[in-house]
N, C-alpha and C. Protein backbone atom coordinates (compact mmCIF):
# COMPACT_ATOMS: atom_id res chain seq x y z
N MET A 1 0.80 -1.20 0.01
CA MET A 1 0.06 0.04 0.07
C MET A 1 0.96 1.22 0.02
N SER A 2 2.06 1.08 0.64
CA SER A 2 2.96 2.39 0.76
C SER A 2 3.32 2.67 -0.62
N ARG A 3 3.60 1.76 -1.52
CA ARG A 3 4.09 1.93 -2.88
C ARG A 3 3.04 2.74 -3.68
N VAL A 4 1.71 2.40 -3.41
CA VAL A 4 0.65 3.07 -4.19
C VAL A 4 0.65 4.56 -3.60
N VAL A 5 0.71 4.75 -2.32
CA VAL A 5 0.70 5.94 -1.72
C VAL A 5 1.85 6.92 -2.24
N ALA A 6 3.13 6.27 -2.31
CA ALA A 6 4.30 7.13 -2.84
C ALA A 6 4.07 7.40 -4.34
N THR A 7 3.52 6.36 -5.05
CA THR A 7 3.39 6.74 -6.46
C THR A 7 2.44 7.77 -6.54
N GLY A 8 1.21 7.83 -5.79
CA GLY A 8 0.20 8.91 -5.87
C GLY A 8 0.83 10.18 -5.55
N MET A 9 1.67 10.27 -4.45
CA MET A 9 2.29 11.50 -4.02
C MET A 9 3.22 11.98 -5.12
N ALA A 10 4.02 11.06 -5.60
CA ALA A 10 4.88 11.69 -6.73
C ALA A 10 4.09 12.21 -7.94
N THR A 11 3.10 11.41 -8.31
CA THR A 11 2.28 11.97 -9.49
C THR A 11 1.55 13.26 -9.04
N GLY A 12 1.01 13.44 -7.86
CA GLY A 12 0.37 14.43 -7.39
C GLY A 12 1.32 15.65 -7.44
N ILE A 13 2.58 15.65 -6.85
CA ILE A 13 3.49 16.69 -6.89
C ILE A 13 3.75 17.09 -8.29
N SER A 14 3.99 16.26 -9.18
CA SER A 14 4.41 16.57 -10.61
C SER A 14 3.17 17.27 -11.25
N LEU A 15 1.96 16.82 -10.98
CA LEU A 15 0.76 17.43 -11.46
C LEU A 15 0.51 18.72 -10.79
N ARG A 16 0.79 18.81 -9.64
CA ARG A 16 0.59 20.25 -8.88
C ARG A 16 1.57 21.24 -9.45
N TRP A 17 2.77 20.85 -9.80
CA TRP A 17 3.76 21.61 -10.36
C TRP A 17 3.30 22.03 -11.72
N TRP A 18 2.89 21.07 -12.48
CA TRP A 18 2.23 21.43 -13.86
C TRP A 18 1.17 22.36 -13.85
N ALA A 19 0.16 22.05 -12.92
CA ALA A 19 -1.02 22.78 -12.76
C ALA A 19 -0.69 24.28 -12.35
N GLY A 20 0.23 24.22 -11.34
CA GLY A 20 0.64 25.53 -10.70
C GLY A 20 1.22 26.44 -11.75
N SER A 21 1.89 25.77 -12.71
CA SER A 21 2.67 26.60 -13.69
C SER A 21 1.54 27.24 -14.58
N LEU A 22 0.27 26.60 -14.76
CA LEU A 22 -0.80 27.13 -15.58
C LEU A 22 -1.52 28.08 -14.83
N ALA A 23 -2.00 27.78 -13.57
CA ALA A 23 -2.74 28.45 -12.79
C ALA A 23 -2.27 28.50 -11.23
N MET A 24 -1.68 29.56 -10.94
CA MET A 24 -1.02 29.51 -9.53
C MET A 24 -2.13 29.52 -8.44
N GLY A 25 -1.82 28.68 -7.45
CA GLY A 25 -2.81 28.76 -6.21
C GLY A 25 -3.33 27.43 -5.98
N ASP A 26 -4.61 27.44 -5.38
CA ASP A 26 -5.23 26.21 -4.81
C ASP A 26 -5.79 25.31 -5.98
N ALA A 27 -6.02 25.75 -7.12
CA ALA A 27 -6.56 24.98 -8.11
C ALA A 27 -5.76 23.79 -8.48
N GLY A 28 -4.43 23.96 -8.46
CA GLY A 28 -3.41 22.97 -8.79
C GLY A 28 -3.43 21.89 -7.55
N THR A 29 -3.48 22.36 -6.41
CA THR A 29 -3.51 21.53 -5.21
C THR A 29 -4.92 20.75 -5.25
N ALA A 30 -5.89 21.32 -5.55
CA ALA A 30 -7.16 20.54 -5.57
C ALA A 30 -7.16 19.57 -6.65
N ALA A 31 -6.76 19.91 -7.77
CA ALA A 31 -6.59 18.91 -8.88
C ALA A 31 -5.78 17.77 -8.49
N ALA A 32 -4.52 17.97 -7.99
CA ALA A 32 -3.68 16.98 -7.53
C ALA A 32 -4.22 15.97 -6.54
N LEU A 33 -4.88 16.54 -5.57
CA LEU A 33 -5.60 15.78 -4.51
C LEU A 33 -6.60 14.92 -5.07
N VAL A 34 -7.38 15.55 -6.02
CA VAL A 34 -8.49 14.63 -6.70
C VAL A 34 -7.79 13.50 -7.48
N LEU A 35 -6.81 13.84 -8.16
CA LEU A 35 -6.13 12.69 -8.96
C LEU A 35 -5.62 11.73 -8.04
N ILE A 36 -4.90 12.10 -7.00
CA ILE A 36 -4.33 11.07 -5.89
C ILE A 36 -5.47 10.21 -5.41
N VAL A 37 -6.66 10.72 -5.11
CA VAL A 37 -7.66 10.04 -4.44
C VAL A 37 -8.25 9.13 -5.54
N LEU A 38 -8.41 9.54 -6.80
CA LEU A 38 -8.98 8.80 -7.86
C LEU A 38 -8.05 7.68 -8.15
N GLY A 39 -6.67 7.99 -8.13
CA GLY A 39 -5.73 6.78 -8.43
C GLY A 39 -5.74 5.79 -7.34
N CYS A 40 -5.85 6.17 -6.08
CA CYS A 40 -5.86 5.24 -4.96
C CYS A 40 -7.19 4.30 -5.11
N VAL A 41 -8.34 5.05 -5.46
CA VAL A 41 -9.51 4.28 -5.54
C VAL A 41 -9.47 3.26 -6.63
N LEU A 42 -9.00 3.74 -7.87
CA LEU A 42 -8.82 2.74 -8.93
C LEU A 42 -7.93 1.63 -8.65
N GLN A 43 -6.82 1.85 -7.87
CA GLN A 43 -5.79 0.78 -7.45
C GLN A 43 -6.54 -0.12 -6.55
N TRP A 44 -7.42 0.39 -5.61
CA TRP A 44 -7.97 -0.45 -4.68
C TRP A 44 -9.11 -1.36 -5.36
N ARG A 45 -9.77 -0.66 -6.36
CA ARG A 45 -10.76 -1.45 -7.04
C ARG A 45 -10.18 -2.59 -7.88
N ALA A 46 -8.95 -2.33 -8.38
CA ALA A 46 -8.16 -3.35 -9.16
C ALA A 46 -7.75 -4.55 -8.35
N GLN A 47 -7.53 -4.32 -7.07
CA GLN A 47 -7.15 -5.38 -6.04
C GLN A 47 -8.26 -5.93 -5.39
N HIS A 48 -9.46 -5.23 -5.36
CA HIS A 48 -10.66 -5.81 -4.67
C HIS A 48 -11.79 -5.62 -5.61
N PRO A 49 -11.92 -6.68 -6.55
CA PRO A 49 -12.94 -6.60 -7.56
C PRO A 49 -14.31 -6.68 -6.82
N ALA A 50 -15.42 -5.93 -7.46
CA ALA A 50 -16.69 -5.90 -6.76
C ALA A 50 -17.30 -7.26 -6.92
N PRO A 51 -18.04 -7.71 -5.92
CA PRO A 51 -18.70 -9.11 -6.02
C PRO A 51 -19.92 -8.81 -7.01
N ARG A 52 -20.22 -9.95 -7.82
CA ARG A 52 -21.22 -9.73 -8.83
C ARG A 52 -22.41 -10.63 -8.41
């Protein structure tokens, strides 16, 4: 799980830098957090398939 978190953090930091260069401020932070959470959810779903 720590590997997923580390990957999410690294992705979020790079995305925050990229978004921050476009629009300085909290928009980049919010986008990065959303993408980190989305990535974690998708990773969790991949490891825990929903019962059918």
